[in-house]
Amino acid sequence: MKIKAIFISWDLILSVMIAVLFYLLLPNLIDIAFAKDLYGIGISVLSIVFSVYFAALAIIISSGDNEFVKFLEEDENLYSELIFTFKFSLIILFIALIYSILLYIQCSFKISQNIKLQSSVFLVIFTFLFFYGLFASLNATFDSIKYAKYRTKFLLLTKK
C-alpha cells in the first residue's frame, strides 16, 4: 500500500513532469557557472527546509502520549502512516541536499579546471529531487495538519 501510494502521489507526478519539462527545454550542455548557482540555491533552500522539517518530526514524535498514539493506530494505523510519510519525506530531502552539495563541489572543481559546460542531465535530476523534496515535505505538512485535527478529536472524546 505504501509503495503504491508513493508512485501515484501528486508530489512525485508533478516533480517528474517538471523534470521532463526541463529535459525538453534545456540544451544538451549548459553553462556550468549557471548550474553551480542553481545548485547553490538548492543547497540553501533544502538546508533550511531539512532542518525545520527534522525539528517538526521530532516535535510530532514526542508530542503524542501513549493513549493518543494508540487512538491513531486503532483508526487505520494513522500514526504509523504519519511517521512513514515524515520519514520518507525526510529521506528525499536528505538525498536532494546531498546531491546538490556533490554537484556544487563537482562544478566548483570543473570551473577551476576551466571546463565551461556540463550535461543538462545533472540539472534535470537535481530539478526532480529538489521539487520532489519540497513537494513531499508539503504533503507531509498536510498530514501533520490532519494529525492536529485528530488530536482535537481525541481530546474531545477523552473529555466525555
Protein backbone atom coordinates (compact mmCIF):
# COMPACT_ATOMS: atom_id res chain seq x y z
CA MET A 1 0.00 0.00 0.00
CA LYS A 2 2.74 2.47 0.92
CA ILE A 3 4.74 1.84 -2.27
CA LYS A 4 1.64 2.24 -4.42
CA ALA A 5 0.77 5.48 -2.64
CA ILE A 6 4.26 6.82 -3.34
CA PHE A 7 4.11 6.09 -7.07
CA ILE A 8 0.66 7.56 -7.63
CA SER A 9 1.16 10.62 -5.43
CA TRP A 10 0.76 14.13 -6.78
CA ASP A 11 4.19 15.18 -5.48
CA LEU A 12 6.05 12.51 -7.45
CA ILE A 13 3.99 13.01 -10.61
CA LEU A 14 4.39 16.80 -10.54
CA SER A 15 8.13 16.52 -9.88
CA VAL A 16 8.56 14.13 -12.82
CA MET A 17 6.56 16.49 -15.05
CA ILE A 18 8.75 19.46 -14.08
CA ALA A 19 11.93 17.42 -14.66
CA VAL A 20 10.68 16.24 -18.05
CA LEU A 21 9.85 19.84 -18.97
CA PHE A 22 13.38 20.90 -18.02
CA TYR A 23 14.80 18.00 -20.03
CA LEU A 24 12.84 19.06 -23.10
CA LEU A 25 13.60 22.78 -22.79
CA LEU A 26 17.28 22.72 -21.83
CA PRO A 27 20.03 22.24 -24.38
CA ASN A 28 22.19 19.12 -24.00
CA LEU A 29 25.02 21.16 -22.50
CA ILE A 30 24.56 24.07 -20.12
CA ASP A 31 26.88 26.70 -18.70
CA ILE A 32 28.50 25.20 -15.62
CA ALA A 33 28.57 28.52 -13.73
CA PHE A 34 24.80 28.83 -14.19
CA ALA A 35 24.31 25.26 -12.95
CA LYS A 36 26.58 25.92 -9.95
CA ASP A 37 24.44 28.91 -8.99
CA LEU A 38 21.29 26.79 -9.15
CA TYR A 39 22.87 24.05 -7.05
CA GLY A 40 23.91 26.69 -4.52
CA ILE A 41 20.33 27.93 -4.30
CA GLY A 42 19.20 24.33 -3.88
CA ILE A 43 21.65 23.80 -1.02
CA SER A 44 20.37 26.91 0.77
CA VAL A 45 16.69 26.10 0.36
CA LEU A 46 17.00 22.39 1.10
CA SER A 47 19.20 23.00 4.16
CA ILE A 48 16.60 25.27 5.69
CA VAL A 49 13.67 23.01 4.83
CA PHE A 50 15.56 19.92 6.04
CA SER A 51 16.44 21.39 9.43
CA VAL A 52 12.97 22.82 10.07
CA TYR A 53 11.37 19.62 8.86
CA PHE A 54 13.58 17.47 11.08
CA ALA A 55 12.61 19.60 14.09
CA ALA A 56 8.92 19.25 13.18
CA LEU A 57 9.28 15.46 13.00
CA ALA A 58 10.88 15.42 16.45
CA ILE A 59 8.02 17.51 17.85
CA ILE A 60 5.35 15.25 16.35
CA ILE A 61 7.02 12.10 17.62
CA SER A 62 7.43 13.48 21.12
CA SER A 63 4.05 15.24 21.38
CA GLY A 64 1.80 12.19 21.30
CA ASP A 65 1.15 10.44 24.55
CA ASN A 66 0.61 6.69 24.60
CA GLU A 67 -3.19 6.88 24.58
CA PHE A 68 -3.23 9.25 21.61
CA VAL A 69 -0.83 7.07 19.63
CA LYS A 70 -3.00 4.05 20.43
CA PHE A 71 -6.07 6.01 19.30
CA LEU A 72 -4.43 6.84 15.96
CA GLU A 73 -3.23 3.29 15.42
CA GLU A 74 -6.72 1.91 16.03
CA ASP A 75 -8.04 4.16 13.27
CA GLU A 76 -6.34 2.56 10.22
CA ASN A 77 -2.73 2.80 11.51
CA LEU A 78 -2.75 6.57 11.13
CA TYR A 79 0.20 7.18 13.44
CA SER A 80 2.39 4.71 11.57
CA GLU A 81 1.31 6.25 8.25
CA LEU A 82 2.11 9.75 9.54
CA ILE A 83 5.56 8.72 10.75
CA PHE A 84 6.24 6.88 7.48
CA THR A 85 5.27 9.98 5.46
CA PHE A 86 7.56 12.18 7.52
CA LYS A 87 10.41 9.67 7.39
CA PHE A 88 10.10 9.20 3.63
CA SER A 89 9.97 12.96 3.01
CA LEU A 90 12.98 13.50 5.25
CA ILE A 91 14.94 10.89 3.28
CA ILE A 92 14.01 12.55 -0.02
CA LEU A 93 15.08 15.95 1.34
CA PHE A 94 18.36 14.48 2.57
CA ILE A 95 19.11 12.81 -0.79
CA ALA A 96 18.30 16.05 -2.64
CA LEU A 97 20.56 18.02 -0.29
CA ILE A 98 23.49 15.59 -0.63
CA TYR A 99 23.07 15.51 -4.42
CA SER A 100 23.07 19.32 -4.53
CA ILE A 101 26.22 19.51 -2.43
CA LEU A 102 28.01 16.94 -4.59
CA LEU A 103 27.04 18.75 -7.78
CA TYR A 104 28.15 22.08 -6.33
CA ILE A 105 31.56 20.58 -5.45
CA GLN A 106 31.83 18.99 -8.89
CA CYS A 107 31.01 22.29 -10.62
CA SER A 108 33.50 24.19 -8.48
CA PHE A 109 36.21 21.70 -9.39
CA LYS A 110 35.37 21.77 -13.10
CA ILE A 111 35.30 25.57 -13.13
CA SER A 112 38.79 25.54 -11.57
CA GLN A 113 39.84 23.29 -14.48
CA ASN A 114 38.38 25.83 -16.97
CA ILE A 115 35.59 23.48 -18.02
CA LYS A 116 32.70 25.66 -19.13
CA LEU A 117 29.88 23.20 -19.89
CA GLN A 118 28.00 20.45 -18.09
CA SER A 119 25.45 17.90 -19.26
CA SER A 120 21.92 19.11 -18.60
CA VAL A 121 21.05 15.66 -17.25
CA PHE A 122 22.65 16.62 -13.91
CA LEU A 123 20.42 19.67 -13.69
CA VAL A 124 17.33 17.67 -14.66
CA ILE A 125 17.99 15.12 -11.89
CA PHE A 126 18.63 17.98 -9.46
CA THR A 127 15.35 19.59 -10.52
CA PHE A 128 13.45 16.36 -9.91
CA LEU A 129 14.98 15.78 -6.47
CA PHE A 130 14.64 19.43 -5.45
CA PHE A 131 10.95 19.66 -6.30
CA TYR A 132 10.17 16.17 -5.05
CA GLY A 133 11.75 17.03 -1.71
CA LEU A 134 9.80 20.26 -1.44
CA PHE A 135 6.50 18.76 -2.57
CA ALA A 136 6.91 15.69 -0.34
CA SER A 137 7.57 17.92 2.66
CA LEU A 138 4.49 19.98 1.79
CA ASN A 139 2.48 16.76 1.53
CA ALA A 140 3.74 15.62 4.94
CA THR A 141 2.88 19.04 6.35
CA PHE A 142 -0.70 18.47 5.23
CA ASP A 143 -0.55 15.16 7.10
CA SER A 144 0.60 16.96 10.23
CA ILE A 145 -2.46 19.21 9.97
CA LYS A 146 -4.59 16.05 9.91
CA TYR A 147 -2.62 14.93 12.97
CA ALA A 148 -3.60 18.13 14.78
CA LYS A 149 -7.25 17.58 13.84
CA TYR A 150 -7.12 14.04 15.18
CA ARG A 151 -5.53 15.40 18.36
CA THR A 152 -8.53 17.69 18.79
CA LYS A 153 -10.92 14.81 18.11
CA PHE A 154 -9.05 12.66 20.67
CA LEU A 155 -9.19 15.39 23.32
CA LEU A 156 -12.94 15.84 22.79
CA LEU A 157 -13.53 12.09 23.07
CA THR A 158 -11.46 11.78 26.25
CA LYS A 159 -13.27 14.70 27.90
CA LYS A 160 -16.61 12.92 27.57
